[in-house]
Amino acid sequence: MSQPENNDPPNRVRLVAYSDSESDAETDDDVPEPEPATGPDTQPQPPPPETENELAQIVIRLQEKYIHEYENLETRQDDMARQLEDWKGAIEDRLRMELKILEALVKVSRRLLPP
């Protein structure tokens, strides 16, 4: 069985290209440019340091900031390691208890089975 041939071109979405001249004609010269975005991610930049002493102070402040951040991360990491050890200990205790229960069940089942 052959299917009927369709010579019609497939339906396609037609894309419209707008030229630069059309978009330029639509803009008004009276419209002010939008202000740059401001928010938590876009902070105003401080002026560059004027002397070597100012630059040294900036470097020292950055070093202190990074040392503080490193110490905080190290403390958090130590706390998490301690929590992990506690969790592992609790899991091992549970496994030992379950093993004892299973051993007791096996002993009871052996006594109940006829020889």
PDB file of N, CA and C in Angstrom:
ATOM      1  N   MET A   1       0.829  -1.178   0.000  1.00  0.00           N
ATOM      2  CA  MET A   1       0.000   0.000   0.000  1.00  0.00           C
ATOM      3  C   MET A   1       0.865   1.229   0.000  1.00  0.00           C
ATOM      4  N   SER A   2       0.606   2.062  -0.906  1.00  0.00           N
ATOM      5  CA  SER A   2       1.379   3.295  -0.967  1.00  0.00           C
ATOM      6  C   SER A   2       0.555   4.430  -0.386  1.00  0.00           C
ATOM      7  N   GLN A   3       1.277   5.335   0.245  1.00  0.00           N
ATOM      8  CA  GLN A   3       0.601   6.489   0.835  1.00  0.00           C
ATOM      9  C   GLN A   3       0.490   7.569  -0.219  1.00  0.00           C
ATOM     10  N   PRO A   4      -0.565   8.364  -0.135  1.00  0.00           N
ATOM     11  CA  PRO A   4      -0.708   9.428  -1.129  1.00  0.00           C
ATOM     12  C   PRO A   4       0.408  10.440  -0.965  1.00  0.00           C
ATOM     13  N   GLU A   5       0.906  10.889  -2.095  1.00  0.00           N
ATOM     14  CA  GLU A   5       1.983  11.871  -2.071  1.00  0.00           C
ATOM     15  C   GLU A   5       1.403  13.251  -1.822  1.00  0.00           C
ATOM     16  N   ASN A   6       2.097  13.997  -0.979  1.00  0.00           N
ATOM     17  CA  ASN A   6       1.666  15.351  -0.664  1.00  0.00           C
ATOM     18  C   ASN A   6       2.743  16.291  -1.168  1.00  0.00           C
ATOM     19  N   ASN A   7       2.438  17.076  -2.169  1.00  0.00           N
ATOM     20  CA  ASN A   7       3.412  17.992  -2.756  1.00  0.00           C
ATOM     21  C   ASN A   7       3.407  19.354  -2.088  1.00  0.00           C
ATOM     22  N   ASP A   8       2.545  19.552  -1.096  1.00  0.00           N
ATOM     23  CA  ASP A   8       2.499  20.844  -0.412  1.00  0.00           C
ATOM     24  C   ASP A   8       3.730  20.984   0.475  1.00  0.00           C
ATOM     25  N   PRO A   9       4.292  22.184   0.537  1.00  0.00           N
ATOM     26  CA  PRO A   9       5.437  22.385   1.433  1.00  0.00           C
ATOM     27  C   PRO A   9       4.961  22.270   2.890  1.00  0.00           C
ATOM     28  N   PRO A  10       5.837  21.824   3.772  1.00  0.00           N
ATOM     29  CA  PRO A  10       5.442  21.695   5.177  1.00  0.00           C
ATOM     30  C   PRO A  10       5.160  23.069   5.780  1.00  0.00           C
ATOM     31  N   ASN A  11       4.247  23.099   6.725  1.00  0.00           N
ATOM     32  CA  ASN A  11       3.927  24.361   7.400  1.00  0.00           C
ATOM     33  C   ASN A  11       5.097  24.737   8.292  1.00  0.00           C
ATOM     34  N   ARG A  12       5.596  25.916   8.118  1.00  0.00           N
ATOM     35  CA  ARG A  12       6.719  26.397   8.918  1.00  0.00           C
ATOM     36  C   ARG A  12       6.379  27.758   9.486  1.00  0.00           C
ATOM     37  N   VAL A  13       6.935  28.028  10.628  1.00  0.00           N
ATOM     38  CA  VAL A  13       6.744  29.333  11.236  1.00  0.00           C
ATOM     39  C   VAL A  13       7.615  30.320  10.495  1.00  0.00           C
ATOM     40  N   ARG A  14       7.050  31.430  10.147  1.00  0.00           N
ATOM     41  CA  ARG A  14       7.794  32.449   9.415  1.00  0.00           C
ATOM     42  C   ARG A  14       8.456  33.380  10.420  1.00  0.00           C
ATOM     43  N   LEU A  15       9.765  33.515  10.317  1.00  0.00           N
ATOM     44  CA  LEU A  15      10.504  34.408  11.195  1.00  0.00           C
ATOM     45  C   LEU A  15      10.559  35.788  10.575  1.00  0.00           C
ATOM     46  N   VAL A  16      10.377  36.790  11.415  1.00  0.00           N
ATOM     47  CA  VAL A  16      10.390  38.167  10.931  1.00  0.00           C
ATOM     48  C   VAL A  16      11.679  38.805  11.410  1.00  0.00           C
ATOM     49  N   ALA A  17      12.434  39.378  10.494  1.00  0.00           N
ATOM     50  CA  ALA A  17      13.673  40.064  10.847  1.00  0.00           C
ATOM     51  C   ALA A  17      13.414  41.559  10.854  1.00  0.00           C
ATOM     52  N   TYR A  18      13.729  42.181  11.982  1.00  0.00           N
ATOM     53  CA  TYR A  18      13.571  43.626  12.084  1.00  0.00           C
ATOM     54  C   TYR A  18      14.923  44.269  11.806  1.00  0.00           C
ATOM     55  N   SER A  19      14.911  45.306  11.024  1.00  0.00           N
ATOM     56  CA  SER A  19      16.172  45.972  10.700  1.00  0.00           C
ATOM     57  C   SER A  19      16.509  46.985  11.783  1.00  0.00           C
ATOM     58  N   ASP A  20      17.763  47.383  11.805  1.00  0.00           N
ATOM     59  CA  ASP A  20      18.205  48.374  12.781  1.00  0.00           C
ATOM     60  C   ASP A  20      17.507  49.704  12.574  1.00  0.00           C
ATOM     61  N   SER A  21      17.209  50.032  11.340  1.00  0.00           N
ATOM     62  CA  SER A  21      16.579  51.325  11.074  1.00  0.00           C
ATOM     63  C   SER A  21      15.192  51.391  11.700  1.00  0.00           C
ATOM     64  N   GLU A  22      14.476  50.282  11.732  1.00  0.00           N
ATOM     65  CA  GLU A  22      13.151  50.280  12.350  1.00  0.00           C
ATOM     66  C   GLU A  22      13.258  50.485  13.855  1.00  0.00           C
ATOM     67  N   SER A  23      14.231  49.823  14.483  1.00  0.00           N
ATOM     68  CA  SER A  23      14.341  49.969  15.933  1.00  0.00           C
ATOM     69  C   SER A  23      14.865  51.353  16.295  1.00  0.00           C
ATOM     70  N   ASP A  24      15.714  51.945  15.447  1.00  0.00           N
ATOM     71  CA  ASP A  24      16.204  53.296  15.710  1.00  0.00           C
ATOM     72  C   ASP A  24      15.081  54.307  15.583  1.00  0.00           C
ATOM     73  N   ALA A  25      14.177  54.088  14.669  1.00  0.00           N
ATOM     74  CA  ALA A  25      13.088  55.034  14.459  1.00  0.00           C
ATOM     75  C   ALA A  25      12.122  55.010  15.628  1.00  0.00           C
ATOM     76  N   GLU A  26      12.032  53.885  16.319  1.00  0.00           N
ATOM     77  CA  GLU A  26      11.087  53.768  17.417  1.00  0.00           C
ATOM     78  C   GLU A  26      11.600  54.403  18.697  1.00  0.00           C
ATOM     79  N   THR A  27      12.899  54.543  18.869  1.00  0.00           N
ATOM     80  CA  THR A  27      13.430  55.089  20.111  1.00  0.00           C
ATOM     81  C   THR A  27      13.366  56.598  20.091  1.00  0.00           C
ATOM     82  N   ASP A  28      13.063  57.162  21.257  1.00  0.00           N
ATOM     83  CA  ASP A  28      13.030  58.618  21.400  1.00  0.00           C
ATOM     84  C   ASP A  28      14.339  59.071  22.015  1.00  0.00           C
ATOM     85  N   ASP A  29      14.765  60.268  21.612  1.00  0.00           N
ATOM     86  CA  ASP A  29      15.983  60.825  22.187  1.00  0.00           C
ATOM     87  C   ASP A  29      15.728  61.368  23.586  1.00  0.00           C
ATOM     88  N   ASP A  30      14.459  61.603  23.940  1.00  0.00           N
ATOM     89  CA  ASP A  30      14.122  62.168  25.241  1.00  0.00           C
ATOM     90  C   ASP A  30      14.112  61.115  26.351  1.00  0.00           C
ATOM     91  N   VAL A  31      14.107  59.857  25.989  1.00  0.00           N
ATOM     92  CA  VAL A  31      14.044  58.794  26.986  1.00  0.00           C
ATOM     93  C   VAL A  31      15.431  58.630  27.606  1.00  0.00           C
ATOM     94  N   PRO A  32      15.529  58.767  28.937  1.00  0.00           N
ATOM     95  CA  PRO A  32      16.848  58.615  29.570  1.00  0.00           C
ATOM     96  C   PRO A  32      17.281  57.151  29.582  1.00  0.00           C
ATOM     97  N   GLU A  33      18.578  56.961  29.592  1.00  0.00           N
ATOM     98  CA  GLU A  33      19.133  55.614  29.659  1.00  0.00           C
ATOM     99  C   GLU A  33      18.802  55.019  31.033  1.00  0.00           C
ATOM    100  N   PRO A  34      18.497  53.743  31.095  1.00  0.00           N
ATOM    101  CA  PRO A  34      18.218  53.144  32.402  1.00  0.00           C
ATOM    102  C   PRO A  34      19.481  53.128  33.254  1.00  0.00           C
ATOM    103  N   GLU A  35      19.270  53.307  34.571  1.00  0.00           N
ATOM    104  CA  GLU A  35      20.409  53.301  35.485  1.00  0.00           C
ATOM    105  C   GLU A  35      20.915  51.869  35.643  1.00  0.00           C
ATOM    106  N   PRO A  36      22.194  51.716  35.910  1.00  0.00           N
ATOM    107  CA  PRO A  36      22.719  50.362  36.089  1.00  0.00           C
ATOM    108  C   PRO A  36      22.040  49.685  37.276  1.00  0.00           C
ATOM    109  N   ALA A  37      21.930  48.374  37.183  1.00  0.00           N
ATOM    110  CA  ALA A  37      21.251  47.610  38.228  1.00  0.00           C
ATOM    111  C   ALA A  37      22.022  47.706  39.530  1.00  0.00           C
ATOM    112  N   THR A  38      21.280  47.808  40.608  1.00  0.00           N
ATOM    113  CA  THR A  38      21.894  47.806  41.925  1.00  0.00           C
ATOM    114  C   THR A  38      21.233  46.720  42.741  1.00  0.00           C
ATOM    115  N   GLY A  39      21.979  46.134  43.614  1.00  0.00           N
ATOM    116  CA  GLY A  39      21.457  45.065  44.449  1.00  0.00           C
ATOM    117  C   GLY A  39      22.590  44.433  45.223  1.00  0.00           C
ATOM    118  N   PRO A  40      22.328  43.302  45.841  1.00  0.00           N
ATOM    119  CA  PRO A  40      23.372  42.677  46.656  1.00  0.00           C
ATOM    120  C   PRO A  40      24.571  42.211  45.842  1.00  0.00           C
ATOM    121  N   ASP A  41      24.343  41.882  44.559  1.00  0.00           N
ATOM    122  CA  ASP A  41      25.451  41.400  43.729  1.00  0.00           C
ATOM    123  C   ASP A  41      26.224  42.539  43.072  1.00  0.00           C
ATOM    124  N   THR A  42      25.607  43.686  42.956  1.00  0.00           N
ATOM    125  CA  THR A  42      26.254  44.814  42.290  1.00  0.00           C
ATOM    126  C   THR A  42      26.517  45.892  43.328  1.00  0.00           C
ATOM    127  N   GLN A  43      27.705  45.874  43.884  1.00  0.00           N
ATOM    128  CA  GLN A  43      28.075  46.850  44.898  1.00  0.00           C
ATOM    129  C   GLN A  43      28.904  47.947  44.249  1.00  0.00           C
ATOM    130  N   PRO A  44      28.742  49.183  44.719  1.00  0.00           N
ATOM    131  CA  PRO A  44      29.562  50.257  44.151  1.00  0.00           C
ATOM    132  C   PRO A  44      31.030  50.023  44.485  1.00  0.00           C
ATOM    133  N   GLN A  45      31.867  50.314  43.538  1.00  0.00           N
ATOM    134  CA  GLN A  45      33.298  50.091  43.717  1.00  0.00           C
ATOM    135  C   GLN A  45      33.919  51.279  44.447  1.00  0.00           C
ATOM    136  N   PRO A  46      34.756  51.008  45.454  1.00  0.00           N
ATOM    137  CA  PRO A  46      35.427  52.112  46.140  1.00  0.00           C
ATOM    138  C   PRO A  46      36.495  52.708  45.229  1.00  0.00           C
ATOM    139  N   PRO A  47      36.872  53.938  45.495  1.00  0.00           N
ATOM    140  CA  PRO A  47      37.920  54.543  44.663  1.00  0.00           C
ATOM    141  C   PRO A  47      39.237  53.796  44.859  1.00  0.00           C
ATOM    142  N   PRO A  48      40.077  53.782  43.838  1.00  0.00           N
ATOM    143  CA  PRO A  48      41.356  53.074  43.966  1.00  0.00           C
ATOM    144  C   PRO A  48      42.239  53.753  45.013  1.00  0.00           C
ATOM    145  N   PRO A  49      43.118  52.976  45.667  1.00  0.00           N
ATOM    146  CA  PRO A  49      43.991  53.570  46.684  1.00  0.00           C
ATOM    147  C   PRO A  49      44.959  54.563  46.048  1.00  0.00           C
ATOM    148  N   GLU A  50      45.222  55.618  46.801  1.00  0.00           N
ATOM    149  CA  GLU A  50      46.104  56.664  46.266  1.00  0.00           C
ATOM    150  C   GLU A  50      47.549  56.492  46.717  1.00  0.00           C
ATOM    151  N   THR A  51      47.751  55.837  47.843  1.00  0.00           N
ATOM    152  CA  THR A  51      49.121  55.673  48.335  1.00  0.00           C
ATOM    153  C   THR A  51      49.395  54.197  48.597  1.00  0.00           C
ATOM    154  N   GLU A  52      50.681  53.889  48.762  1.00  0.00           N
ATOM    155  CA  GLU A  52      51.064  52.509  49.058  1.00  0.00           C
ATOM    156  C   GLU A  52      50.549  52.088  50.429  1.00  0.00           C
ATOM    157  N   ASN A  53      50.475  53.041  51.370  1.00  0.00           N
ATOM    158  CA  ASN A  53      49.987  52.737  52.705  1.00  0.00           C
ATOM    159  C   ASN A  53      48.521  52.300  52.651  1.00  0.00           C
ATOM    160  N   GLU A  54      47.716  52.992  51.849  1.00  0.00           N
ATOM    161  CA  GLU A  54      46.310  52.609  51.699  1.00  0.00           C
ATOM    162  C   GLU A  54      46.202  51.216  51.086  1.00  0.00           C
ATOM    163  N   LEU A  55      47.028  50.949  50.094  1.00  0.00           N
ATOM    164  CA  LEU A  55      47.026  49.633  49.457  1.00  0.00           C
ATOM    165  C   LEU A  55      47.419  48.550  50.464  1.00  0.00           C
ATOM    166  N   ALA A  56      48.423  48.829  51.278  1.00  0.00           N
ATOM    167  CA  ALA A  56      48.854  47.863  52.290  1.00  0.00           C
ATOM    168  C   ALA A  56      47.737  47.612  53.300  1.00  0.00           C
ATOM    169  N   GLN A  57      47.023  48.662  53.694  1.00  0.00           N
ATOM    170  CA  GLN A  57      45.911  48.491  54.638  1.00  0.00           C
ATOM    171  C   GLN A  57      44.805  47.629  54.030  1.00  0.00           C
ATOM    172  N   ILE A  58      44.538  47.832  52.751  1.00  0.00           N
ATOM    173  CA  ILE A  58      43.517  47.026  52.070  1.00  0.00           C
ATOM    174  C   ILE A  58      43.940  45.563  52.051  1.00  0.00           C
ATOM    175  N   VAL A  59      45.207  45.314  51.736  1.00  0.00           N
ATOM    176  CA  VAL A  59      45.714  43.938  51.686  1.00  0.00           C
ATOM    177  C   VAL A  59      45.621  43.292  53.064  1.00  0.00           C
ATOM    178  N   ILE A  60      45.983  44.027  54.104  1.00  0.00           N
ATOM    179  CA  ILE A  60      45.928  43.488  55.463  1.00  0.00           C
ATOM    180  C   ILE A  60      44.489  43.167  55.852  1.00  0.00           C
ATOM    181  N   ARG A  61      43.547  44.069  55.523  1.00  0.00           N
ATOM    182  CA  ARG A  61      42.131  43.808  55.837  1.00  0.00           C
ATOM    183  C   ARG A  61      41.625  42.572  55.098  1.00  0.00           C
ATOM    184  N   LEU A  62      42.018  42.435  53.835  1.00  0.00           N
ATOM    185  CA  LEU A  62      41.599  41.258  53.067  1.00  0.00           C
ATOM    186  C   LEU A  62      42.177  39.979  53.667  1.00  0.00           C
ATOM    187  N   GLN A  63      43.461  40.042  54.067  1.00  0.00           N
ATOM    188  CA  GLN A  63      44.076  38.868  54.685  1.00  0.00           C
ATOM    189  C   GLN A  63      43.349  38.492  55.974  1.00  0.00           C
ATOM    190  N   GLU A  64      43.020  39.493  56.801  1.00  0.00           N
ATOM    191  CA  GLU A  64      42.301  39.221  58.049  1.00  0.00           C
ATOM    192  C   GLU A  64      40.928  38.624  57.760  1.00  0.00           C
ATOM    193  N   LYS A  65      40.266  39.159  56.746  1.00  0.00           N
ATOM    194  CA  LYS A  65      38.941  38.652  56.373  1.00  0.00           C
ATOM    195  C   LYS A  65      39.040  37.193  55.938  1.00  0.00           C
ATOM    196  N   TYR A  66      40.006  36.873  55.088  1.00  0.00           N
ATOM    197  CA  TYR A  66      40.149  35.510  54.591  1.00  0.00           C
ATOM    198  C   TYR A  66      40.594  34.553  55.693  1.00  0.00           C
ATOM    199  N   ILE A  67      41.434  35.019  56.612  1.00  0.00           N
ATOM    200  CA  ILE A  67      41.838  34.181  57.743  1.00  0.00           C
ATOM    201  C   ILE A  67      40.614  33.857  58.596  1.00  0.00           C
ATOM    202  N   HIS A  68      39.773  34.868  58.843  1.00  0.00           N
ATOM    203  CA  HIS A  68      38.553  34.660  59.627  1.00  0.00           C
ATOM    204  C   HIS A  68      37.629  33.664  58.923  1.00  0.00           C
ATOM    205  N   GLU A  69      37.452  33.819  57.618  1.00  0.00           N
ATOM    206  CA  GLU A  69      36.612  32.890  56.854  1.00  0.00           C
ATOM    207  C   GLU A  69      37.189  31.475  56.905  1.00  0.00           C
ATOM    208  N   TYR A  70      38.502  31.355  56.780  1.00  0.00           N
ATOM    209  CA  TYR A  70      39.155  30.044  56.831  1.00  0.00           C
ATOM    210  C   TYR A  70      38.935  29.384  58.190  1.00  0.00           C
ATOM    211  N   GLU A  71      39.081  30.173  59.263  1.00  0.00           N
ATOM    212  CA  GLU A  71      38.876  29.623  60.601  1.00  0.00           C
ATOM    213  C   GLU A  71      37.432  29.166  60.784  1.00  0.00           C
ATOM    214  N   ASN A  72      36.478  29.945  60.266  1.00  0.00           N
ATOM    215  CA  ASN A  72      35.069  29.546  60.350  1.00  0.00           C
ATOM    216  C   ASN A  72      34.829  28.241  59.601  1.00  0.00           C
ATOM    217  N   LEU A  73      35.390  28.139  58.399  1.00  0.00           N
ATOM    218  CA  LEU A  73      35.232  26.909  57.620  1.00  0.00           C
ATOM    219  C   LEU A  73      35.877  25.720  58.327  1.00  0.00           C
ATOM    220  N   GLU A  74      37.037  25.937  58.904  1.00  0.00           N
ATOM    221  CA  GLU A  74      37.730  24.866  59.611  1.00  0.00           C
ATOM    222  C   GLU A  74      36.916  24.405  60.821  1.00  0.00           C
ATOM    223  N   THR A  75      36.318  25.350  61.548  1.00  0.00           N
ATOM    224  CA  THR A  75      35.479  25.007  62.695  1.00  0.00           C
ATOM    225  C   THR A  75      34.267  24.199  62.253  1.00  0.00           C
ATOM    226  N   ARG A  76      33.619  24.652  61.181  1.00  0.00           N
ATOM    227  CA  ARG A  76      32.457  23.921  60.661  1.00  0.00           C
ATOM    228  C   ARG A  76      32.845  22.517  60.221  1.00  0.00           C
ATOM    229  N   GLN A  77      34.001  22.408  59.582  1.00  0.00           N
ATOM    230  CA  GLN A  77      34.469  21.105  59.116  1.00  0.00           C
ATOM    231  C   GLN A  77      34.735  20.172  60.301  1.00  0.00           C
ATOM    232  N   ASP A  78      35.348  20.703  61.362  1.00  0.00           N
ATOM    233  CA  ASP A  78      35.604  19.895  62.554  1.00  0.00           C
ATOM    234  C   ASP A  78      34.292  19.452  63.200  1.00  0.00           C
ATOM    235  N   ASP A  79      33.314  20.363  63.278  1.00  0.00           N
ATOM    236  CA  ASP A  79      32.007  20.015  63.842  1.00  0.00           C
ATOM    237  C   ASP A  79      31.342  18.914  63.027  1.00  0.00           C
ATOM    238  N   MET A  80      31.407  19.045  61.717  1.00  0.00           N
ATOM    239  CA  MET A  80      30.792  18.030  60.857  1.00  0.00           C
ATOM    240  C   MET A  80      31.508  16.690  60.993  1.00  0.00           C
ATOM    241  N   ALA A  81      32.827  16.704  61.133  1.00  0.00           N
ATOM    242  CA  ALA A  81      33.580  15.460  61.310  1.00  0.00           C
ATOM    243  C   ALA A  81      33.179  14.794  62.624  1.00  0.00           C
ATOM    244  N   ARG A  82      33.007  15.610  63.684  1.00  0.00           N
ATOM    245  CA  ARG A  82      32.571  15.070  64.968  1.00  0.00           C
ATOM    246  C   ARG A  82      31.170  14.464  64.857  1.00  0.00           C
ATOM    247  N   GLN A  83      30.267  15.165  64.184  1.00  0.00           N
ATOM    248  CA  GLN A  83      28.909  14.652  63.993  1.00  0.00           C
ATOM    249  C   GLN A  83      28.931  13.346  63.201  1.00  0.00           C
ATOM    250  N   LEU A  84      29.788  13.283  62.195  1.00  0.00           N
ATOM    251  CA  LEU A  84      29.894  12.070  61.387  1.00  0.00           C
ATOM    252  C   LEU A  84      30.385  10.897  62.234  1.00  0.00           C
ATOM    253  N   GLU A  85      31.369  11.134  63.084  1.00  0.00           N
ATOM    254  CA  GLU A  85      31.872  10.071  63.959  1.00  0.00           C
ATOM    255  C   GLU A  85      30.779   9.612  64.918  1.00  0.00           C
ATOM    256  N   ASP A  86      30.011  10.553  65.484  1.00  0.00           N
ATOM    257  CA  ASP A  86      28.905  10.186  66.371  1.00  0.00           C
ATOM    258  C   ASP A  86      27.880   9.342  65.624  1.00  0.00           C
ATOM    259  N   TRP A  87      27.560   9.752  64.415  1.00  0.00           N
ATOM    260  CA  TRP A  87      26.577   9.036  63.599  1.00  0.00           C
ATOM    261  C   TRP A  87      27.075   7.629  63.280  1.00  0.00           C
ATOM    262  N   LYS A  88      28.350   7.526  62.899  1.00  0.00           N
ATOM    263  CA  LYS A  88      28.918   6.212  62.595  1.00  0.00           C
ATOM    264  C   LYS A  88      28.891   5.313  63.828  1.00  0.00           C
ATOM    265  N   GLY A  89      29.198   5.865  65.001  1.00  0.00           N
ATOM    266  CA  GLY A  89      29.153   5.086  66.238  1.00  0.00           C
ATOM    267  C   GLY A  89      27.745   4.584  66.527  1.00  0.00           C
ATOM    268  N   ALA A  90      26.745   5.451  66.328  1.00  0.00           N
ATOM    269  CA  ALA A  90      25.353   5.047  66.565  1.00  0.00           C
ATOM    270  C   ALA A  90      24.940   3.943  65.595  1.00  0.00           C
ATOM    271  N   ILE A  91      25.340   4.056  64.348  1.00  0.00           N
ATOM    272  CA  ILE A  91      25.004   3.037  63.346  1.00  0.00           C
ATOM    273  C   ILE A  91      25.669   1.711  63.701  1.00  0.00           C
ATOM    274  N   GLU A  92      26.940   1.748  64.108  1.00  0.00           N
ATOM    275  CA  GLU A  92      27.637   0.518  64.477  1.00  0.00           C
ATOM    276  C   GLU A  92      26.989  -0.140  65.692  1.00  0.00           C
ATOM    277  N   ASP A  93      26.547   0.668  66.673  1.00  0.00           N
ATOM    278  CA  ASP A  93      25.853   0.115  67.837  1.00  0.00           C
ATOM    279  C   ASP A  93      24.555  -0.572  67.416  1.00  0.00           C
ATOM    280  N   ARG A  94      23.821   0.068  66.523  1.00  0.00           N
ATOM    281  CA  ARG A  94      22.575  -0.531  66.035  1.00  0.00           C
ATOM    282  C   ARG A  94      22.839  -1.842  65.307  1.00  0.00           C
ATOM    283  N   LEU A  95      23.886  -1.852  64.478  1.00  0.00           N
ATOM    284  CA  LEU A  95      24.214  -3.078  63.744  1.00  0.00           C
ATOM    285  C   LEU A  95      24.599  -4.209  64.699  1.00  0.00           C
ATOM    286  N   ARG A  96      25.373  -3.894  65.750  1.00  0.00           N
ATOM    287  CA  ARG A  96      25.744  -4.912  66.735  1.00  0.00           C
ATOM    288  C   ARG A  96      24.499  -5.465  67.432  1.00  0.00           C
ATOM    289  N   MET A  97      23.567  -4.567  67.785  1.00  0.00           N
ATOM    290  CA  MET A  97      22.344  -4.995  68.441  1.00  0.00           C
ATOM    291  C   MET A  97      21.519  -5.893  67.508  1.00  0.00           C
ATOM    292  N   GLU A  98      21.407  -5.514  66.247  1.00  0.00           N
ATOM    293  CA  GLU A  98      20.652  -6.323  65.287  1.00  0.00           C
ATOM    294  C   GLU A  98      21.322  -7.679  65.074  1.00  0.00           C
ATOM    295  N   LEU A  99      22.648  -7.708  65.067  1.00  0.00           N
ATOM    296  CA  LEU A  99      23.369  -8.972  64.921  1.00  0.00           C
ATOM    297  C   LEU A  99      23.080  -9.898  66.099  1.00  0.00           C
ATOM    298  N   LYS A 100      23.071  -9.350  67.326  1.00  0.00           N
ATOM    299  CA  LYS A 100      22.759 -10.159  68.507  1.00  0.00           C
ATOM    300  C   LYS A 100      21.337 -10.703  68.430  1.00  0.00           C
ATOM    301  N   ILE A 101      20.399  -9.870  67.976  1.00  0.00           N
ATOM    302  CA  ILE A 101      19.008 -10.316  67.841  1.00  0.00           C
ATOM    303  C   ILE A 101      18.914 -11.443  66.823  1.00  0.00           C
ATOM    304  N   LEU A 102      19.585 -11.288  65.688  1.00  0.00           N
ATOM    305  CA  LEU A 102      19.552 -12.338  64.664  1.00  0.00           C
ATOM    306  C   LEU A 102      20.186 -13.631  65.166  1.00  0.00           C
ATOM    307  N   GLU A 103      21.296 -13.535  65.898  1.00  0.00           N
ATOM    308  CA  GLU A 103      21.929 -14.731  66.462  1.00  0.00           C
ATOM    309  C   GLU A 103      20.987 -15.427  67.435  1.00  0.00           C
ATOM    310  N   ALA A 104      20.289 -14.649  68.255  1.00  0.00           N
ATOM    311  CA  ALA A 104      19.340 -15.237  69.207  1.00  0.00           C
ATOM    312  C   ALA A 104      18.197 -15.922  68.466  1.00  0.00           C
ATOM    313  N   LEU A 105      17.712 -15.311  67.390  1.00  0.00           N
ATOM    314  CA  LEU A 105      16.635 -15.926  66.608  1.00  0.00           C
ATOM    315  C   LEU A 105      17.086 -17.238  65.981  1.00  0.00           C
ATOM    316  N   VAL A 106      18.312 -17.287  65.501  1.00  0.00           N
ATOM    317  CA  VAL A 106      18.836 -18.516  64.899  1.00  0.00           C
ATOM    318  C   VAL A 106      18.923 -19.612  65.961  1.00  0.00           C
ATOM    319  N   LYS A 107      19.394 -19.275  67.167  1.00  0.00           N
ATOM    320  CA  LYS A 107      19.492 -20.266  68.244  1.00  0.00           C
ATOM    321  C   LYS A 107      18.110 -20.802  68.610  1.00  0.00           C
ATOM    322  N   VAL A 108      17.132 -19.907  68.717  1.00  0.00           N
ATOM    323  CA  VAL A 108      15.772 -20.326  69.061  1.00  0.00           C
ATOM    324  C   VAL A 108      15.202 -21.208  67.964  1.00  0.00           C
ATOM    325  N   SER A 109      15.414 -20.839  66.712  1.00  0.00           N
ATOM    326  CA  SER A 109      14.864 -21.634  65.608  1.00  0.00           C
ATOM    327  C   SER A 109      15.525 -23.005  65.533  1.00  0.00           C
ATOM    328  N   ARG A 110      16.784 -23.130  65.901  1.00  0.00           N
ATOM    329  CA  ARG A 110      17.465 -24.432  65.897  1.00  0.00           C
ATOM    330  C   ARG A 110      16.880 -25.338  66.977  1.00  0.00           C
ATOM    331  N   ARG A 111      16.528 -24.746  68.125  1.00  0.00           N
ATOM    332  CA  ARG A 111      15.950 -25.548  69.204  1.00  0.00           C
ATOM    333  C   ARG A 111      14.547 -26.018  68.843  1.00  0.00           C
ATOM    334  N   LEU A 112      13.837 -25.217  68.065  1.00  0.00           N
ATOM    335  CA  LEU A 112      12.467 -25.565  67.711  1.00  0.00           C
ATOM    336  C   LEU A 112      12.399 -26.606  66.605  1.00  0.00           C
ATOM    337  N   LEU A 113      13.402 -26.678  65.776  1.00  0.00           N
ATOM    338  CA  LEU A 113      13.401 -27.650  64.679  1.00  0.00           C
ATOM    339  C   LEU A 113      13.733 -29.034  65.220  1.00  0.00           C
ATOM    340  N   PRO A 114      13.027 -30.052  64.742  1.00  0.00           N
ATOM    341  CA  PRO A 114      13.361 -31.414  65.201  1.00  0.00           C
ATOM    342  C   PRO A 114      14.700 -31.858  64.617  1.00  0.00           C
ATOM    343  N   PRO A 115      15.452 -32.657  65.374  1.00  0.00           N
ATOM    344  CA  PRO A 115      16.769 -33.114  64.883  1.00  0.00           C
ATOM    345  C   PRO A 115      16.706 -34.092  63.758  1.00  0.00           C
TER     346      PRO A 115
END
